[in-house]
Amino acid sequence: MYHTVMSDTISSGQFSLVGVSAAAAAAFKEGRSASSEQQFDKAIQYYSEALAFDRTPASFRARIFEYRGLCFWLIGEFAAAEKDYNESLATSDSIDQTARARVRL
């Protein structure tokens, strides 16, 4: 298991990676890297890989849905973006994450 706090300089908030497998965390980090390089299709693939792992914490899943939704939005796939933002809202009861997803909708 990976035990750290993920901090992101281009977004607010931090979230814990406690309970997240090393492989899921690695896919997430690859997605963030691809996204920062504006390789949004590649980032979507990595985020989808990270979501494929079972038993990941809701806060982690919600953040992935948010970031994947942003990638969909940036490539003009607005229906897919809306679906991911709504999934982010449904996945986490964190006030911070709810605010983040609602702003994007």
N, C-alpha and C. Protein backbone atom coordinates (compact mmCIF):
# COMPACT_ATOMS: atom_id res chain seq x y z
N MET A 1 0.83 -1.18 0.00
CA MET A 1 0.00 0.00 0.00
C MET A 1 0.88 1.24 0.00
N TYR A 2 0.37 2.28 -0.56
CA TYR A 2 1.05 3.55 -0.68
C TYR A 2 0.53 4.45 0.42
N HIS A 3 1.40 5.04 1.23
CA HIS A 3 0.98 5.88 2.35
C HIS A 3 1.62 7.25 2.22
N THR A 4 0.90 8.16 1.63
CA THR A 4 1.40 9.52 1.46
C THR A 4 0.22 10.45 1.27
N VAL A 5 0.48 11.71 1.24
CA VAL A 5 -0.55 12.69 0.92
C VAL A 5 -0.17 13.30 -0.42
N MET A 6 -1.13 13.32 -1.32
CA MET A 6 -0.88 13.87 -2.65
C MET A 6 -1.17 15.36 -2.60
N SER A 7 -0.24 16.15 -3.01
CA SER A 7 -0.43 17.59 -3.09
C SER A 7 -0.29 17.98 -4.54
N ASP A 8 -1.09 18.89 -4.96
CA ASP A 8 -1.12 19.26 -6.36
C ASP A 8 -1.02 20.78 -6.47
N THR A 9 -0.04 21.28 -7.16
CA THR A 9 0.17 22.72 -7.21
C THR A 9 -0.84 23.44 -8.09
N ILE A 10 -1.50 22.77 -9.02
CA ILE A 10 -2.45 23.47 -9.89
C ILE A 10 -3.89 23.31 -9.44
N SER A 11 -4.11 22.72 -8.30
CA SER A 11 -5.47 22.58 -7.79
C SER A 11 -5.45 22.71 -6.28
N SER A 12 -6.60 23.03 -5.73
CA SER A 12 -6.68 23.18 -4.28
C SER A 12 -6.88 21.82 -3.63
N GLY A 13 -6.53 21.77 -2.39
CA GLY A 13 -6.82 20.58 -1.61
C GLY A 13 -5.76 19.50 -1.72
N GLN A 14 -5.76 18.66 -0.74
CA GLN A 14 -4.90 17.50 -0.70
C GLN A 14 -5.77 16.30 -0.41
N PHE A 15 -5.30 15.14 -0.77
CA PHE A 15 -6.03 13.93 -0.45
C PHE A 15 -5.04 12.83 -0.15
N SER A 16 -5.49 11.91 0.65
CA SER A 16 -4.63 10.83 1.12
C SER A 16 -4.61 9.68 0.13
N LEU A 17 -3.47 9.05 0.02
CA LEU A 17 -3.34 7.85 -0.80
C LEU A 17 -3.30 6.60 0.07
N VAL A 18 -3.66 6.74 1.34
CA VAL A 18 -3.73 5.58 2.22
C VAL A 18 -4.80 4.64 1.67
N GLY A 19 -4.46 3.39 1.50
CA GLY A 19 -5.40 2.41 0.97
C GLY A 19 -5.41 2.31 -0.54
N VAL A 20 -4.60 3.11 -1.21
CA VAL A 20 -4.52 3.09 -2.66
C VAL A 20 -3.32 2.22 -3.05
N SER A 21 -3.54 1.29 -3.96
CA SER A 21 -2.44 0.42 -4.39
C SER A 21 -1.37 1.25 -5.11
N ALA A 22 -0.16 0.76 -5.07
CA ALA A 22 0.94 1.44 -5.74
C ALA A 22 0.67 1.56 -7.24
N ALA A 23 0.06 0.54 -7.83
CA ALA A 23 -0.23 0.56 -9.27
C ALA A 23 -1.28 1.62 -9.61
N ALA A 24 -2.31 1.75 -8.78
CA ALA A 24 -3.34 2.77 -9.02
C ALA A 24 -2.75 4.16 -8.85
N ALA A 25 -1.92 4.34 -7.82
CA ALA A 25 -1.27 5.63 -7.60
C ALA A 25 -0.35 5.98 -8.76
N ALA A 26 0.37 4.99 -9.28
CA ALA A 26 1.27 5.22 -10.41
C ALA A 26 0.49 5.62 -11.66
N ALA A 27 -0.63 4.96 -11.92
CA ALA A 27 -1.46 5.31 -13.08
C ALA A 27 -1.99 6.73 -12.93
N PHE A 28 -2.41 7.08 -11.71
CA PHE A 28 -2.89 8.43 -11.44
C PHE A 28 -1.79 9.46 -11.73
N LYS A 29 -0.59 9.20 -11.23
CA LYS A 29 0.52 10.14 -11.43
C LYS A 29 0.88 10.26 -12.91
N GLU A 30 0.82 9.15 -13.64
CA GLU A 30 1.07 9.20 -15.09
C GLU A 30 0.00 10.04 -15.78
N GLY A 31 -1.24 9.91 -15.32
CA GLY A 31 -2.32 10.73 -15.86
C GLY A 31 -2.09 12.21 -15.62
N ARG A 32 -1.66 12.56 -14.41
CA ARG A 32 -1.36 13.96 -14.09
C ARG A 32 -0.23 14.48 -14.97
N SER A 33 0.78 13.65 -15.17
CA SER A 33 1.91 14.04 -16.00
C SER A 33 1.48 14.27 -17.45
N ALA A 34 0.72 13.34 -18.00
CA ALA A 34 0.23 13.47 -19.37
C ALA A 34 -0.66 14.70 -19.51
N SER A 35 -1.49 14.94 -18.52
CA SER A 35 -2.38 16.09 -18.55
C SER A 35 -1.58 17.40 -18.55
N SER A 36 -0.54 17.46 -17.73
CA SER A 36 0.27 18.68 -17.66
C SER A 36 1.02 18.93 -18.97
N GLU A 37 1.22 17.88 -19.75
CA GLU A 37 1.85 18.00 -21.06
C GLU A 37 0.81 18.15 -22.18
N GLN A 38 -0.44 18.35 -21.79
CA GLN A 38 -1.57 18.52 -22.70
C GLN A 38 -1.79 17.31 -23.60
N GLN A 39 -1.44 16.14 -23.12
CA GLN A 39 -1.71 14.88 -23.82
C GLN A 39 -2.97 14.29 -23.18
N PHE A 40 -4.10 14.91 -23.48
CA PHE A 40 -5.33 14.60 -22.77
C PHE A 40 -5.87 13.20 -23.05
N ASP A 41 -5.74 12.72 -24.28
CA ASP A 41 -6.19 11.36 -24.58
C ASP A 41 -5.40 10.33 -23.77
N LYS A 42 -4.10 10.56 -23.69
CA LYS A 42 -3.23 9.68 -22.91
C LYS A 42 -3.59 9.76 -21.43
N ALA A 43 -3.84 10.96 -20.93
CA ALA A 43 -4.22 11.15 -19.53
C ALA A 43 -5.51 10.41 -19.22
N ILE A 44 -6.48 10.47 -20.12
CA ILE A 44 -7.75 9.78 -19.94
C ILE A 44 -7.51 8.28 -19.80
N GLN A 45 -6.61 7.74 -20.60
CA GLN A 45 -6.30 6.31 -20.50
C GLN A 45 -5.71 5.96 -19.13
N TYR A 46 -4.77 6.78 -18.67
CA TYR A 46 -4.16 6.51 -17.35
C TYR A 46 -5.19 6.64 -16.23
N TYR A 47 -6.03 7.66 -16.30
CA TYR A 47 -7.06 7.82 -15.26
C TYR A 47 -8.02 6.64 -15.28
N SER A 48 -8.36 6.17 -16.46
CA SER A 48 -9.25 5.01 -16.57
C SER A 48 -8.58 3.77 -15.96
N GLU A 49 -7.28 3.62 -16.17
CA GLU A 49 -6.54 2.51 -15.55
C GLU A 49 -6.61 2.61 -14.03
N ALA A 50 -6.42 3.80 -13.51
CA ALA A 50 -6.45 3.99 -12.05
C ALA A 50 -7.83 3.66 -11.49
N LEU A 51 -8.88 3.98 -12.24
CA LEU A 51 -10.25 3.68 -11.79
C LEU A 51 -10.57 2.20 -11.85
N ALA A 52 -9.81 1.44 -12.63
CA ALA A 52 -10.10 0.01 -12.80
C ALA A 52 -9.75 -0.81 -11.56
N PHE A 53 -8.97 -0.25 -10.66
CA PHE A 53 -8.60 -0.98 -9.45
C PHE A 53 -9.75 -0.97 -8.45
N ASP A 54 -10.07 -2.14 -7.94
CA ASP A 54 -11.14 -2.26 -6.94
C ASP A 54 -10.65 -1.78 -5.58
N ARG A 55 -11.59 -1.48 -4.76
CA ARG A 55 -11.33 -1.13 -3.35
C ARG A 55 -10.41 0.06 -3.16
N THR A 56 -10.55 1.06 -4.01
CA THR A 56 -9.81 2.30 -3.78
C THR A 56 -10.71 3.26 -3.03
N PRO A 57 -10.14 4.11 -2.19
CA PRO A 57 -10.95 5.04 -1.39
C PRO A 57 -11.79 5.98 -2.27
N ALA A 58 -12.95 6.34 -1.75
CA ALA A 58 -13.87 7.20 -2.49
C ALA A 58 -13.24 8.54 -2.84
N SER A 59 -12.45 9.11 -1.94
CA SER A 59 -11.84 10.41 -2.21
C SER A 59 -10.88 10.34 -3.40
N PHE A 60 -10.16 9.24 -3.51
CA PHE A 60 -9.24 9.04 -4.63
C PHE A 60 -10.02 8.87 -5.93
N ARG A 61 -11.06 8.05 -5.92
CA ARG A 61 -11.88 7.83 -7.11
C ARG A 61 -12.54 9.14 -7.56
N ALA A 62 -13.05 9.90 -6.60
CA ALA A 62 -13.72 11.16 -6.93
C ALA A 62 -12.75 12.13 -7.61
N ARG A 63 -11.53 12.20 -7.11
CA ARG A 63 -10.54 13.09 -7.72
C ARG A 63 -10.18 12.63 -9.12
N ILE A 64 -10.08 11.33 -9.32
CA ILE A 64 -9.78 10.82 -10.67
C ILE A 64 -10.92 11.16 -11.63
N PHE A 65 -12.16 10.96 -11.20
CA PHE A 65 -13.29 11.32 -12.06
C PHE A 65 -13.24 12.81 -12.41
N GLU A 66 -12.90 13.64 -11.43
CA GLU A 66 -12.81 15.08 -11.69
C GLU A 66 -11.74 15.38 -12.74
N TYR A 67 -10.55 14.84 -12.55
CA TYR A 67 -9.45 15.12 -13.48
C TYR A 67 -9.71 14.52 -14.86
N ARG A 68 -10.29 13.33 -14.91
CA ARG A 68 -10.61 12.74 -16.21
C ARG A 68 -11.69 13.57 -16.90
N GLY A 69 -12.66 14.04 -16.12
CA GLY A 69 -13.69 14.90 -16.68
C GLY A 69 -13.11 16.16 -17.29
N LEU A 70 -12.13 16.74 -16.61
CA LEU A 70 -11.48 17.94 -17.15
C LEU A 70 -10.80 17.63 -18.48
N CYS A 71 -10.15 16.49 -18.57
CA CYS A 71 -9.51 16.10 -19.83
C CYS A 71 -10.54 15.95 -20.94
N PHE A 72 -11.66 15.30 -20.62
CA PHE A 72 -12.73 15.17 -21.62
C PHE A 72 -13.21 16.55 -22.06
N TRP A 73 -13.38 17.46 -21.11
CA TRP A 73 -13.85 18.80 -21.43
C TRP A 73 -12.86 19.51 -22.35
N LEU A 74 -11.58 19.37 -22.06
CA LEU A 74 -10.55 20.06 -22.83
C LEU A 74 -10.43 19.54 -24.26
N ILE A 75 -10.88 18.31 -24.52
CA ILE A 75 -10.86 17.80 -25.90
C ILE A 75 -12.24 17.90 -26.55
N GLY A 76 -13.16 18.56 -25.87
CA GLY A 76 -14.47 18.82 -26.45
C GLY A 76 -15.50 17.72 -26.29
N GLU A 77 -15.22 16.74 -25.45
CA GLU A 77 -16.18 15.66 -25.19
C GLU A 77 -16.98 16.03 -23.94
N PHE A 78 -17.92 16.97 -24.13
CA PHE A 78 -18.62 17.58 -23.01
C PHE A 78 -19.56 16.62 -22.29
N ALA A 79 -20.21 15.72 -23.01
CA ALA A 79 -21.11 14.75 -22.36
C ALA A 79 -20.31 13.82 -21.45
N ALA A 80 -19.15 13.38 -21.91
CA ALA A 80 -18.30 12.51 -21.09
C ALA A 80 -17.77 13.28 -19.87
N ALA A 81 -17.44 14.55 -20.07
CA ALA A 81 -16.97 15.38 -18.95
C ALA A 81 -18.07 15.52 -17.90
N GLU A 82 -19.27 15.82 -18.35
CA GLU A 82 -20.39 15.96 -17.41
C GLU A 82 -20.64 14.66 -16.64
N LYS A 83 -20.55 13.55 -17.34
CA LYS A 83 -20.75 12.25 -16.69
C LYS A 83 -19.70 12.03 -15.59
N ASP A 84 -18.44 12.34 -15.88
CA ASP A 84 -17.39 12.16 -14.87
C ASP A 84 -17.55 13.13 -13.71
N TYR A 85 -17.93 14.37 -13.97
CA TYR A 85 -18.15 15.32 -12.87
C TYR A 85 -19.28 14.85 -11.97
N ASN A 86 -20.36 14.35 -12.58
CA ASN A 86 -21.47 13.83 -11.78
C ASN A 86 -21.04 12.59 -11.00
N GLU A 87 -20.20 11.76 -11.60
CA GLU A 87 -19.69 10.58 -10.90
C GLU A 87 -18.82 11.00 -9.72
N SER A 88 -18.05 12.05 -9.89
CA SER A 88 -17.24 12.58 -8.80
C SER A 88 -18.13 13.02 -7.64
N LEU A 89 -19.23 13.70 -7.97
CA LEU A 89 -20.17 14.14 -6.93
C LEU A 89 -20.80 12.96 -6.21
N ALA A 90 -21.14 11.92 -6.95
CA ALA A 90 -21.81 10.76 -6.37
C ALA A 90 -20.85 9.88 -5.56
N THR A 91 -19.56 9.98 -5.84
CA THR A 91 -18.58 9.08 -5.24
C THR A 91 -18.10 9.54 -3.87
N SER A 92 -18.00 10.84 -3.66
CA SER A 92 -17.41 11.35 -2.43
C SER A 92 -18.36 12.29 -1.71
N ASP A 93 -18.34 12.22 -0.38
CA ASP A 93 -19.14 13.16 0.40
C ASP A 93 -18.27 14.27 1.00
N SER A 94 -17.05 14.38 0.53
CA SER A 94 -16.14 15.43 0.97
C SER A 94 -16.64 16.79 0.48
N ILE A 95 -16.72 17.75 1.37
CA ILE A 95 -17.18 19.09 0.99
C ILE A 95 -16.25 19.69 -0.05
N ASP A 96 -14.95 19.54 0.14
CA ASP A 96 -13.98 20.07 -0.81
C ASP A 96 -14.16 19.46 -2.19
N GLN A 97 -14.29 18.13 -2.24
CA GLN A 97 -14.43 17.46 -3.53
C GLN A 97 -15.76 17.81 -4.19
N THR A 98 -16.82 17.93 -3.40
CA THR A 98 -18.12 18.33 -3.94
C THR A 98 -18.02 19.70 -4.59
N ALA A 99 -17.37 20.64 -3.90
CA ALA A 99 -17.21 21.98 -4.44
C ALA A 99 -16.40 21.95 -5.73
N ARG A 100 -15.34 21.17 -5.75
CA ARG A 100 -14.50 21.08 -6.94
C ARG A 100 -15.29 20.58 -8.14
N ALA A 101 -16.08 19.53 -7.94
CA ALA A 101 -16.86 18.95 -9.05
C ALA A 101 -17.99 19.88 -9.48
N ARG A 102 -18.65 20.52 -8.52
CA ARG A 102 -19.75 21.43 -8.87
C ARG A 102 -19.26 22.62 -9.68
N VAL A 103 -18.10 23.14 -9.35
CA VAL A 103 -17.54 24.26 -10.11
C VAL A 103 -17.33 23.87 -11.56
N ARG A 104 -16.92 22.65 -11.79
CA ARG A 104 -16.66 22.20 -13.16
C ARG A 104 -17.94 21.98 -13.96
N LEU A 105 -19.03 21.63 -13.25
CA LEU A 105 -20.29 21.44 -13.96
C LEU A 105 -20.83 22.78 -14.40
